[in-house]
């Protein structure tokens, strides 16, 4: 091993990965993903799809999840900086409904492993950001669910820079809260 450093988070299953970066006068080189290294670190998933998005400062995407085809995700920022947030939606989990956030940037080069059955979203903090992620299942257009980014029952502390107006899709503004999700899906905690 040695090519990546893996930190665990307060919520079981979440992992923050820092790759080894080899730099010199020309720039740097790093492996962003190596199955053997990740497997050795306890992340033994097969990723089948890569996605990438670009957003400007103040864009908040989330909080999204897949209903019938849940995905593990490995997320990172290629350009800029985001605050990346997840909410535990795993039935029976002792941390159900709790959130965790991490700063991801092109500068820190960290990656965030998110197991299936977490809601996911991020807020762009830099003027511009490119966000890339690997998924363990393919995109199914009619399988997307979501919960409100500002649900008081969850209490996510988004670091919205002063004077920044949030930019969200119409769909993301209409999601219900965690209680509505629990009622709709018969979740008891």
C-alpha atoms as a PDB file:
ATOM      1  CA  UNK A   1       0.000   0.000   0.000  1.00  0.00           C
ATOM      2  CA  UNK A   2       1.316   3.519   0.664  1.00  0.00           C
ATOM      3  CA  UNK A   3      -0.243   5.094  -2.419  1.00  0.00           C
ATOM      4  CA  UNK A   4      -3.314   6.204  -0.471  1.00  0.00           C
ATOM      5  CA  UNK A   5      -4.111   7.165   3.093  1.00  0.00           C
ATOM      6  CA  UNK A   6      -7.603   6.318   4.315  1.00  0.00           C
ATOM      7  CA  UNK A   7      -9.315   8.059   7.227  1.00  0.00           C
ATOM      8  CA  UNK A   8     -12.554   6.775   8.710  1.00  0.00           C
ATOM      9  CA  UNK A   9     -15.317   9.193   9.689  1.00  0.00           C
ATOM     10  CA  UNK A  10     -17.754   9.307  12.626  1.00  0.00           C
ATOM     11  CA  UNK A  11     -20.382   7.583  10.503  1.00  0.00           C
ATOM     12  CA  UNK A  12     -19.459   3.978   9.777  1.00  0.00           C
ATOM     13  CA  UNK A  13     -18.640   3.223   6.148  1.00  0.00           C
ATOM     14  CA  UNK A  14     -17.620   6.745   5.136  1.00  0.00           C
ATOM     15  CA  UNK A  15     -13.951   7.098   4.183  1.00  0.00           C
ATOM     16  CA  UNK A  16     -11.788  10.072   3.270  1.00  0.00           C
ATOM     17  CA  UNK A  17      -8.957   9.118   0.922  1.00  0.00           C
ATOM     18  CA  UNK A  18      -5.786  11.087   0.326  1.00  0.00           C
ATOM     19  CA  UNK A  19      -3.639   9.905  -2.596  1.00  0.00           C
ATOM     20  CA  UNK A  20       0.140  10.014  -2.641  1.00  0.00           C
ATOM     21  CA  UNK A  21       1.170  12.955  -4.823  1.00  0.00           C
ATOM     22  CA  UNK A  22       4.538  12.881  -6.553  1.00  0.00           C
ATOM     23  CA  UNK A  23       5.668  16.364  -7.541  1.00  0.00           C
ATOM     24  CA  UNK A  24       8.673  18.011  -9.098  1.00  0.00           C
ATOM     25  CA  UNK A  25       9.474  21.140 -11.100  1.00  0.00           C
ATOM     26  CA  UNK A  26       7.210  19.936 -13.931  1.00  0.00           C
ATOM     27  CA  UNK A  27       4.097  19.542 -11.764  1.00  0.00           C
ATOM     28  CA  UNK A  28       2.720  16.411 -10.128  1.00  0.00           C
ATOM     29  CA  UNK A  29       1.479  12.872 -10.711  1.00  0.00           C
ATOM     30  CA  UNK A  30      -1.000  10.832  -8.661  1.00  0.00           C
ATOM     31  CA  UNK A  31      -3.128   7.740  -9.068  1.00  0.00           C
ATOM     32  CA  UNK A  32      -6.736   8.729  -8.483  1.00  0.00           C
ATOM     33  CA  UNK A  33      -7.912   5.126  -8.373  1.00  0.00           C
ATOM     34  CA  UNK A  34      -6.213   1.749  -8.167  1.00  0.00           C
ATOM     35  CA  UNK A  35      -8.506  -1.200  -7.431  1.00  0.00           C
ATOM     36  CA  UNK A  36      -5.825  -3.135  -5.537  1.00  0.00           C
ATOM     37  CA  UNK A  37      -4.977  -0.237  -3.223  1.00  0.00           C
ATOM     38  CA  UNK A  38      -8.633   0.525  -2.557  1.00  0.00           C
ATOM     39  CA  UNK A  39      -9.451  -3.142  -1.926  1.00  0.00           C
ATOM     40  CA  UNK A  40      -6.567  -3.358   0.553  1.00  0.00           C
ATOM     41  CA  UNK A  41      -8.031  -0.302   2.304  1.00  0.00           C
ATOM     42  CA  UNK A  42     -11.438  -2.023   2.629  1.00  0.00           C
ATOM     43  CA  UNK A  43     -13.131  -0.413  -0.381  1.00  0.00           C
ATOM     44  CA  UNK A  44     -13.825  -3.465  -2.542  1.00  0.00           C
ATOM     45  CA  UNK A  45     -16.345  -2.104  -5.029  1.00  0.00           C
ATOM     46  CA  UNK A  46     -16.479  -2.351  -8.795  1.00  0.00           C
ATOM     47  CA  UNK A  47     -17.234   1.044 -10.307  1.00  0.00           C
ATOM     48  CA  UNK A  48     -19.171   0.946 -13.586  1.00  0.00           C
ATOM     49  CA  UNK A  49     -19.793   4.611 -14.430  1.00  0.00           C
ATOM     50  CA  UNK A  50     -17.873   7.891 -14.122  1.00  0.00           C
ATOM     51  CA  UNK A  51     -19.680  11.240 -13.978  1.00  0.00           C
ATOM     52  CA  UNK A  52     -18.481  14.831 -13.994  1.00  0.00           C
ATOM     53  CA  UNK A  53     -20.189  18.164 -13.458  1.00  0.00           C
ATOM     54  CA  UNK A  54     -19.151  21.812 -13.547  1.00  0.00           C
ATOM     55  CA  UNK A  55     -20.766  24.473 -11.386  1.00  0.00           C
ATOM     56  CA  UNK A  56     -20.226  28.039 -10.314  1.00  0.00           C
ATOM     57  CA  UNK A  57     -19.977  29.521  -6.832  1.00  0.00           C
ATOM     58  CA  UNK A  58     -23.129  29.159  -4.771  1.00  0.00           C
ATOM     59  CA  UNK A  59     -24.483  26.137  -6.645  1.00  0.00           C
ATOM     60  CA  UNK A  60     -25.919  23.579  -4.243  1.00  0.00           C
ATOM     61  CA  UNK A  61     -26.659  20.167  -5.725  1.00  0.00           C
ATOM     62  CA  UNK A  62     -28.533  17.713  -3.522  1.00  0.00           C
ATOM     63  CA  UNK A  63     -29.488  15.971  -1.443  1.00  0.00           C
ATOM     64  CA  UNK A  64     -29.820  13.035  -3.860  1.00  0.00           C
ATOM     65  CA  UNK A  65     -30.031   9.266  -3.551  1.00  0.00           C
ATOM     66  CA  UNK A  66     -31.130   6.305  -5.653  1.00  0.00           C
ATOM     67  CA  UNK A  67     -34.303   4.508  -4.550  1.00  0.00           C
ATOM     68  CA  UNK A  68     -34.183   0.985  -6.052  1.00  0.00           C
ATOM     69  CA  UNK A  69     -30.660   0.941  -7.500  1.00  0.00           C
ATOM     70  CA  UNK A  70     -28.475   2.409  -4.728  1.00  0.00           C
ATOM     71  CA  UNK A  71     -24.892   3.285  -5.611  1.00  0.00           C
ATOM     72  CA  UNK A  72     -21.608   3.448  -3.752  1.00  0.00           C
ATOM     73  CA  UNK A  73     -19.776   6.596  -4.873  1.00  0.00           C
ATOM     74  CA  UNK A  74     -16.185   7.795  -4.908  1.00  0.00           C
ATOM     75  CA  UNK A  75     -16.215  11.580  -5.299  1.00  0.00           C
ATOM     76  CA  UNK A  76     -13.503  14.200  -5.815  1.00  0.00           C
ATOM     77  CA  UNK A  77     -12.960  17.739  -7.054  1.00  0.00           C
ATOM     78  CA  UNK A  78     -10.816  18.315 -10.142  1.00  0.00           C
ATOM     79  CA  UNK A  79     -10.961  22.117 -10.102  1.00  0.00           C
ATOM     80  CA  UNK A  80     -12.026  24.491  -7.329  1.00  0.00           C
ATOM     81  CA  UNK A  81     -13.511  23.632  -3.930  1.00  0.00           C
ATOM     82  CA  UNK A  82     -16.785  22.213  -2.615  1.00  0.00           C
ATOM     83  CA  UNK A  83     -18.285  21.289   0.727  1.00  0.00           C
ATOM     84  CA  UNK A  84     -19.483  17.721   0.233  1.00  0.00           C
ATOM     85  CA  UNK A  85     -22.262  16.374   2.482  1.00  0.00           C
ATOM     86  CA  UNK A  86     -23.931  13.024   3.058  1.00  0.00           C
ATOM     87  CA  UNK A  87     -26.891  11.923   5.186  1.00  0.00           C
ATOM     88  CA  UNK A  88     -27.160   8.339   6.441  1.00  0.00           C
ATOM     89  CA  UNK A  89     -30.372   6.723   5.125  1.00  0.00           C
ATOM     90  CA  UNK A  90     -29.441   3.111   5.936  1.00  0.00           C
ATOM     91  CA  UNK A  91     -32.373   1.496   7.731  1.00  0.00           C
ATOM     92  CA  UNK A  92     -31.346   0.218  11.146  1.00  0.00           C
ATOM     93  CA  UNK A  93     -28.137   2.261  11.194  1.00  0.00           C
ATOM     94  CA  UNK A  94     -27.322   3.799  14.601  1.00  0.00           C
ATOM     95  CA  UNK A  95     -26.466   7.022  12.728  1.00  0.00           C
ATOM     96  CA  UNK A  96     -29.653   7.109  10.614  1.00  0.00           C
ATOM     97  CA  UNK A  97     -30.516  10.702   9.692  1.00  0.00           C
ATOM     98  CA  UNK A  98     -27.118  12.077  10.733  1.00  0.00           C
ATOM     99  CA  UNK A  99     -24.970  14.071   8.347  1.00  0.00           C
ATOM    100  CA  UNK A 100     -21.256  14.402   7.689  1.00  0.00           C
ATOM    101  CA  UNK A 101     -19.455  17.023   5.606  1.00  0.00           C
ATOM    102  CA  UNK A 102     -15.946  17.319   4.161  1.00  0.00           C
ATOM    103  CA  UNK A 103     -14.081  19.931   2.159  1.00  0.00           C
ATOM    104  CA  UNK A 104     -12.897  18.589  -1.191  1.00  0.00           C
ATOM    105  CA  UNK A 105     -10.698  20.644  -3.471  1.00  0.00           C
ATOM    106  CA  UNK A 106      -8.260  20.440  -6.351  1.00  0.00           C
ATOM    107  CA  UNK A 107      -5.666  21.613  -3.856  1.00  0.00           C
ATOM    108  CA  UNK A 108      -6.176  18.969  -1.129  1.00  0.00           C
ATOM    109  CA  UNK A 109      -6.864  16.213  -3.725  1.00  0.00           C
ATOM    110  CA  UNK A 110      -8.946  14.257  -1.197  1.00  0.00           C
ATOM    111  CA  UNK A 111     -11.607  11.796  -2.275  1.00  0.00           C
ATOM    112  CA  UNK A 112     -14.704  10.799  -0.334  1.00  0.00           C
ATOM    113  CA  UNK A 113     -16.064   7.240  -0.417  1.00  0.00           C
ATOM    114  CA  UNK A 114     -19.828   7.165   0.164  1.00  0.00           C
ATOM    115  CA  UNK A 115     -21.541   3.786   0.627  1.00  0.00           C
ATOM    116  CA  UNK A 116     -24.953   3.096  -0.868  1.00  0.00           C
ATOM    117  CA  UNK A 117     -28.055   4.385   0.910  1.00  0.00           C
ATOM    118  CA  UNK A 118     -26.691   7.824   1.753  1.00  0.00           C
ATOM    119  CA  UNK A 119     -28.195  11.048   0.431  1.00  0.00           C
ATOM    120  CA  UNK A 120     -25.460  13.154  -1.188  1.00  0.00           C
ATOM    121  CA  UNK A 121     -24.990  16.791  -2.120  1.00  0.00           C
ATOM    122  CA  UNK A 122     -22.408  19.533  -2.353  1.00  0.00           C
ATOM    123  CA  UNK A 123     -22.039  23.312  -2.236  1.00  0.00           C
ATOM    124  CA  UNK A 124     -19.545  25.064  -4.540  1.00  0.00           C
ATOM    125  CA  UNK A 125     -17.320  27.428  -2.531  1.00  0.00           C
ATOM    126  CA  UNK A 126     -14.887  28.547  -5.257  1.00  0.00           C
ATOM    127  CA  UNK A 127     -15.768  30.717  -8.268  1.00  0.00           C
ATOM    128  CA  UNK A 128     -15.945  27.527 -10.359  1.00  0.00           C
ATOM    129  CA  UNK A 129     -15.642  23.820  -9.577  1.00  0.00           C
ATOM    130  CA  UNK A 130     -15.460  20.572 -11.507  1.00  0.00           C
ATOM    131  CA  UNK A 131     -16.734  17.570  -9.587  1.00  0.00           C
ATOM    132  CA  UNK A 132     -16.074  13.956 -10.639  1.00  0.00           C
ATOM    133  CA  UNK A 133     -17.362  10.710  -9.225  1.00  0.00           C
ATOM    134  CA  UNK A 134     -17.395   6.980  -9.797  1.00  0.00           C
ATOM    135  CA  UNK A 135     -20.554   4.893  -9.206  1.00  0.00           C
ATOM    136  CA  UNK A 136     -21.147   1.181  -8.646  1.00  0.00           C
ATOM    137  CA  UNK A 137     -24.393   1.139 -10.643  1.00  0.00           C
ATOM    138  CA  UNK A 138     -25.578   2.779 -13.815  1.00  0.00           C
ATOM    139  CA  UNK A 139     -27.842   5.831 -13.879  1.00  0.00           C
ATOM    140  CA  UNK A 140     -31.531   4.944 -13.874  1.00  0.00           C
ATOM    141  CA  UNK A 141     -33.518   8.092 -14.820  1.00  0.00           C
ATOM    142  CA  UNK A 142     -36.676   7.247 -12.840  1.00  0.00           C
ATOM    143  CA  UNK A 143     -34.866   6.143  -9.684  1.00  0.00           C
ATOM    144  CA  UNK A 144     -33.768   9.448  -8.155  1.00  0.00           C
ATOM    145  CA  UNK A 145     -34.932  10.487  -4.711  1.00  0.00           C
ATOM    146  CA  UNK A 146     -34.031  13.409  -2.526  1.00  0.00           C
ATOM    147  CA  UNK A 147     -34.419  15.194   0.763  1.00  0.00           C
ATOM    148  CA  UNK A 148     -34.302  18.909   1.559  1.00  0.00           C
ATOM    149  CA  UNK A 149     -30.843  20.425   1.914  1.00  0.00           C
ATOM    150  CA  UNK A 150     -32.087  22.588   4.797  1.00  0.00           C
ATOM    151  CA  UNK A 151     -34.244  20.073   6.676  1.00  0.00           C
ATOM    152  CA  UNK A 152     -34.200  21.205  10.336  1.00  0.00           C
ATOM    153  CA  UNK A 153     -34.508  17.568  11.480  1.00  0.00           C
ATOM    154  CA  UNK A 154     -31.080  16.921   9.937  1.00  0.00           C
ATOM    155  CA  UNK A 155     -29.489  20.322  10.609  1.00  0.00           C
ATOM    156  CA  UNK A 156     -26.724  20.402   8.004  1.00  0.00           C
ATOM    157  CA  UNK A 157     -24.402  23.335   8.669  1.00  0.00           C
ATOM    158  CA  UNK A 158     -23.649  24.511   5.135  1.00  0.00           C
ATOM    159  CA  UNK A 159     -20.688  26.956   5.048  1.00  0.00           C
ATOM    160  CA  UNK A 160     -22.395  29.459   2.749  1.00  0.00           C
ATOM    161  CA  UNK A 161     -19.961  32.343   2.177  1.00  0.00           C
ATOM    162  CA  UNK A 162     -21.359  35.688   3.288  1.00  0.00           C
ATOM    163  CA  UNK A 163     -23.151  37.465   0.450  1.00  0.00           C
ATOM    164  CA  UNK A 164     -23.524  34.257  -1.585  1.00  0.00           C
ATOM    165  CA  UNK A 165     -26.966  33.440  -2.930  1.00  0.00           C
ATOM    166  CA  UNK A 166     -27.644  29.720  -3.300  1.00  0.00           C
ATOM    167  CA  UNK A 167     -28.325  28.482  -6.825  1.00  0.00           C
ATOM    168  CA  UNK A 168     -30.396  25.296  -6.961  1.00  0.00           C
ATOM    169  CA  UNK A 169     -32.407  23.350  -9.462  1.00  0.00           C
ATOM    170  CA  UNK A 170     -36.176  23.575  -9.234  1.00  0.00           C
ATOM    171  CA  UNK A 171     -36.276  19.875  -8.376  1.00  0.00           C
ATOM    172  CA  UNK A 172     -33.828  20.263  -5.468  1.00  0.00           C
ATOM    173  CA  UNK A 173     -35.940  23.079  -4.015  1.00  0.00           C
ATOM    174  CA  UNK A 174     -39.018  20.812  -3.892  1.00  0.00           C
ATOM    175  CA  UNK A 175     -37.716  17.743  -2.023  1.00  0.00           C
ATOM    176  CA  UNK A 176     -39.436  16.920   1.260  1.00  0.00           C
ATOM    177  CA  UNK A 177     -37.740  16.449   4.606  1.00  0.00           C
ATOM    178  CA  UNK A 178     -36.449  13.348   6.344  1.00  0.00           C
ATOM    179  CA  UNK A 179     -39.712  12.716   8.221  1.00  0.00           C
ATOM    180  CA  UNK A 180     -41.685  12.724   4.951  1.00  0.00           C
ATOM    181  CA  UNK A 181     -39.128  10.333   3.432  1.00  0.00           C
ATOM    182  CA  UNK A 182     -39.414   8.000   6.449  1.00  0.00           C
ATOM    183  CA  UNK A 183     -43.218   7.978   6.257  1.00  0.00           C
ATOM    184  CA  UNK A 184     -43.239   7.427   2.502  1.00  0.00           C
ATOM    185  CA  UNK A 185     -40.813   4.488   2.753  1.00  0.00           C
ATOM    186  CA  UNK A 186     -42.108   3.010   6.044  1.00  0.00           C
ATOM    187  CA  UNK A 187     -38.809   3.580   7.838  1.00  0.00           C
ATOM    188  CA  UNK A 188     -38.882   3.206  11.629  1.00  0.00           C
ATOM    189  CA  UNK A 189     -35.933   4.360  13.695  1.00  0.00           C
END
